[in-house]
Amino acid sequence: MSTALLVFSKAPVAGAVKTRLIPALGAQGAARLQQRMTRWMVKEAVASGVGEVTLCCAPDCTHPDFQQLQQMGVRLQQQHVGDIGQRMSLAIDQALQQYSSVILMGCDCPQLDRERLQQVDQALQQVEVVLLPAEDGGYVLIAMRGSLPQLFEGIDWSSERVMTQTEAVLNQHGVSWKALPTVTDIDRPEDLINVPKAWLDE
């Protein structure tokens, strides 16, 4: 089964990323953390050996950090327009035209490493959809073996209802799915306890 790994990331521009972390880290510190988390996620995705890795960039692929990550053997692709649900849905459908399965992830979960990606890949052999829930009620990864646009419609993104609403859609459509153990993503100052200390150093 050929698999596409899609890593969603925003360019590490001060004041434009991880804005909820700015009170704790400052604009430059929040951008620096975004840069380090993106590098980590790309490195782990490549090292997992699960499939070909594409970095889905916002607002475009021109940032020097994105260009540098190409040296790790990843493709760069500009994110589509729309809300996060529309962007994810379009990226997944596009990948499914070439691959038999897709694993899409954000870049703000230090716990999402190569071993966990391999676990996701193994679970996807048994079910149609695999989710990696986040403690805040969302999810940090979704893996699919087929298109289901309804999974990305009518969801209250950036709320604590994302995972519950997604589960309801999956059950409504009779899709086989599995959720792996919950992890923590890094969105708020209180989440920084889960970040390796070296990632916060200047």
Protein backbone atom coordinates (compact mmCIF):
# COMPACT_ATOMS: atom_id res chain seq x y z
CA MET A 1 0.00 0.00 0.00
CA SER A 2 1.54 3.31 -1.07
CA THR A 3 1.16 6.04 1.52
CA ALA A 4 1.50 9.81 1.37
CA LEU A 5 2.53 11.65 4.52
CA LEU A 6 1.35 15.24 4.52
CA VAL A 7 2.79 17.65 7.10
CA PHE A 8 0.81 20.90 7.46
CA SER A 9 2.85 23.89 8.58
CA LYS A 10 2.82 27.68 8.58
CA ALA A 11 5.96 29.66 7.81
CA PRO A 12 7.74 30.65 11.06
CA VAL A 13 7.08 34.38 10.74
CA ALA A 14 7.11 36.32 14.00
CA GLY A 15 3.65 37.59 14.91
CA ALA A 16 1.92 35.36 12.36
CA VAL A 17 2.26 31.90 13.96
CA LYS A 18 1.52 30.40 17.38
CA THR A 19 0.01 33.72 18.44
CA ARG A 20 -1.50 32.21 21.61
CA LEU A 21 2.06 31.45 22.75
CA ILE A 22 3.28 35.02 22.28
CA PRO A 23 2.42 36.11 25.86
CA ALA A 24 4.76 33.37 27.14
CA LEU A 25 7.47 33.32 24.48
CA GLY A 26 7.27 36.63 22.62
CA ALA A 27 6.65 36.82 18.88
CA GLN A 28 10.19 35.74 17.96
CA GLY A 29 10.16 32.88 20.47
CA ALA A 30 6.83 31.59 19.19
CA ALA A 31 8.11 31.68 15.60
CA ARG A 32 11.32 29.93 16.64
CA LEU A 33 9.30 27.16 18.30
CA GLN A 34 7.19 26.81 15.15
CA GLN A 35 10.40 26.43 13.14
CA ARG A 36 11.77 23.74 15.47
CA MET A 37 8.52 21.79 15.63
CA THR A 38 8.22 21.78 11.84
CA ARG A 39 11.78 20.51 11.45
CA TRP A 40 11.12 17.80 14.04
CA MET A 41 7.92 16.64 12.35
CA VAL A 42 9.48 16.51 8.89
CA LYS A 43 12.51 14.62 10.24
CA GLU A 44 10.35 12.07 12.06
CA ALA A 45 8.01 11.63 9.09
CA VAL A 46 10.96 10.89 6.80
CA ALA A 47 12.58 8.58 9.38
CA SER A 48 9.35 6.60 9.85
CA GLY A 49 9.80 5.06 6.41
CA VAL A 50 6.02 4.90 6.07
CA GLY A 51 5.79 6.74 2.76
CA GLU A 52 6.68 9.80 0.74
CA VAL A 53 6.60 13.05 2.70
CA THR A 54 5.11 16.31 1.45
CA LEU A 55 5.34 19.53 3.46
CA CYS A 56 2.12 21.48 2.88
CA CYS A 57 3.16 25.09 3.32
CA ALA A 58 1.27 28.25 4.23
CA PRO A 59 1.00 30.87 2.98
CA ASP A 60 3.32 29.53 0.24
CA CYS A 61 6.53 27.54 -0.23
CA THR A 62 9.00 30.44 -0.49
CA HIS A 63 10.14 30.75 3.14
CA PRO A 64 13.85 29.81 3.47
CA ASP A 65 13.02 27.27 6.20
CA PHE A 66 10.70 25.40 3.84
CA GLN A 67 13.28 25.53 1.06
CA GLN A 68 15.94 24.13 3.38
CA LEU A 69 13.72 21.21 4.41
CA GLN A 70 13.63 20.07 0.80
CA GLN A 71 17.18 18.82 1.38
CA MET A 72 15.67 16.09 3.57
CA GLY A 73 13.97 14.64 0.50
CA VAL A 74 10.50 16.09 1.04
CA ARG A 75 8.25 17.68 -1.55
CA LEU A 76 6.87 21.16 -0.99
CA GLN A 77 3.25 21.95 -1.78
CA GLN A 78 1.33 25.14 -1.14
CA GLN A 79 -1.75 24.70 1.03
CA HIS A 80 -5.09 25.27 -0.70
CA VAL A 81 -7.32 28.20 0.19
CA GLY A 82 -10.18 27.95 2.67
CA ASP A 83 -10.54 27.06 6.33
CA ILE A 84 -8.43 24.29 7.84
CA GLY A 85 -11.08 21.70 7.04
CA GLN A 86 -11.26 22.66 3.37
CA ARG A 87 -7.47 22.73 3.11
CA MET A 88 -7.09 19.30 4.66
CA SER A 89 -9.89 17.79 2.57
CA LEU A 90 -8.44 19.09 -0.70
CA ALA A 91 -4.92 17.95 0.19
CA ILE A 92 -6.13 14.46 1.10
CA ASP A 93 -8.26 14.08 -2.04
CA GLN A 94 -5.37 15.27 -4.20
CA ALA A 95 -2.98 12.77 -2.59
CA LEU A 96 -5.47 9.91 -2.95
CA GLN A 97 -5.30 10.35 -6.72
CA GLN A 98 -1.71 9.03 -6.52
CA TYR A 99 -1.56 7.02 -3.30
CA SER A 100 -3.74 4.34 -1.74
CA SER A 101 -3.66 6.00 1.70
CA VAL A 102 -2.86 9.35 3.28
CA ILE A 103 -1.59 10.34 6.72
CA LEU A 104 -2.04 14.04 7.40
CA MET A 105 -0.60 15.70 10.49
CA GLY A 106 0.11 19.09 11.98
CA CYS A 107 3.57 20.04 13.24
CA ASP A 108 2.82 21.03 16.83
CA CYS A 109 2.95 17.71 18.69
CA PRO A 110 6.40 16.71 20.03
CA GLN A 111 4.97 13.30 21.01
CA LEU A 112 4.25 12.48 17.36
CA ASP A 113 7.44 10.63 16.45
CA ARG A 114 8.47 7.97 13.93
CA GLU A 115 7.29 5.08 16.12
CA ARG A 116 3.84 6.59 16.51
CA LEU A 117 3.61 7.15 12.76
CA GLN A 118 4.46 3.50 12.21
CA GLN A 119 1.67 2.57 14.65
CA VAL A 120 -0.75 4.73 12.66
CA ASP A 121 0.32 3.02 9.44
CA GLN A 122 -0.20 -0.43 10.97
CA ALA A 123 -3.64 0.53 12.30
CA LEU A 124 -4.61 1.83 8.87
CA GLN A 125 -4.17 -1.66 7.46
CA GLN A 126 -7.16 -2.74 9.59
CA VAL A 127 -9.56 0.24 9.40
CA GLU A 128 -10.48 3.00 6.95
CA VAL A 129 -9.65 5.97 9.19
CA VAL A 130 -7.17 6.42 12.06
CA LEU A 131 -7.17 9.45 14.36
CA LEU A 132 -4.68 10.69 16.92
CA PRO A 133 -6.74 12.71 19.41
CA ALA A 134 -5.40 15.73 21.28
CA GLU A 135 -6.08 16.54 24.93
CA ASP A 136 -7.82 19.77 23.93
CA GLY A 137 -10.59 17.89 22.10
CA GLY A 138 -9.14 18.12 18.60
CA TYR A 139 -6.80 15.79 16.77
CA VAL A 140 -3.21 16.11 15.59
CA LEU A 141 -3.36 13.48 12.83
CA ILE A 142 -5.88 11.86 10.53
CA ALA A 143 -5.10 8.90 8.28
CA MET A 144 -7.45 7.67 5.55
CA ARG A 145 -7.70 5.01 2.87
CA GLY A 146 -10.48 6.75 0.95
CA SER A 147 -12.09 10.12 0.44
CA LEU A 148 -14.79 11.30 2.83
CA PRO A 149 -15.28 15.08 2.40
CA GLN A 150 -18.05 15.08 5.01
CA LEU A 151 -15.36 14.59 7.68
CA PHE A 152 -14.24 18.16 7.09
CA GLU A 153 -17.61 19.89 6.74
CA GLY A 154 -19.58 21.46 9.58
CA ILE A 155 -16.79 20.90 12.11
CA ASP A 156 -16.17 23.59 14.75
CA TRP A 157 -12.43 23.84 14.08
CA SER A 158 -10.22 25.07 16.94
CA SER A 159 -12.84 24.01 19.46
CA GLU A 160 -13.00 21.19 22.00
CA ARG A 161 -15.76 19.58 19.87
CA VAL A 162 -13.61 18.62 16.86
CA MET A 163 -12.93 15.01 17.82
CA THR A 164 -16.50 14.35 19.03
CA GLN A 165 -18.00 15.81 15.86
CA THR A 166 -15.56 13.85 13.68
CA GLU A 167 -16.45 10.60 15.45
CA ALA A 168 -20.15 11.32 14.87
CA VAL A 169 -19.59 11.73 11.12
CA LEU A 170 -17.56 8.52 10.94
CA ASN A 171 -20.28 6.57 12.75
CA GLN A 172 -23.03 8.16 10.68
CA HIS A 173 -21.35 6.98 7.46
CA GLY A 174 -20.53 3.51 8.77
CA VAL A 175 -16.80 3.98 8.38
CA SER A 176 -14.45 1.68 10.29
CA TRP A 177 -12.09 3.75 12.39
CA LYS A 178 -9.71 3.70 15.32
CA ALA A 179 -8.40 6.33 17.70
CA LEU A 180 -4.90 5.86 19.12
CA PRO A 181 -3.96 7.09 22.62
CA THR A 182 -4.41 10.82 23.20
CA VAL A 183 -1.46 13.20 22.88
CA THR A 184 -0.86 16.90 23.60
CA ASP A 185 -0.43 19.57 20.98
CA ILE A 186 1.27 22.88 21.65
CA ASP A 187 -1.17 25.77 21.35
CA ARG A 188 -1.33 27.51 24.73
CA PRO A 189 1.25 28.63 27.30
CA GLU A 190 0.22 25.80 29.66
CA ASP A 191 1.13 23.29 26.92
CA LEU A 192 4.79 24.36 26.95
CA ILE A 193 5.53 21.91 29.76
CA ASN A 194 5.34 19.23 27.04
CA VAL A 195 8.00 20.87 24.85
CA PRO A 196 11.64 19.71 25.08
CA LYS A 197 13.53 22.47 26.89
CA ALA A 198 16.13 22.78 24.13
CA TRP A 199 13.37 23.83 21.70
CA LEU A 200 12.67 26.89 23.84
CA ASP A 201 16.28 28.11 24.07
CA GLU A 202 17.39 31.05 21.97
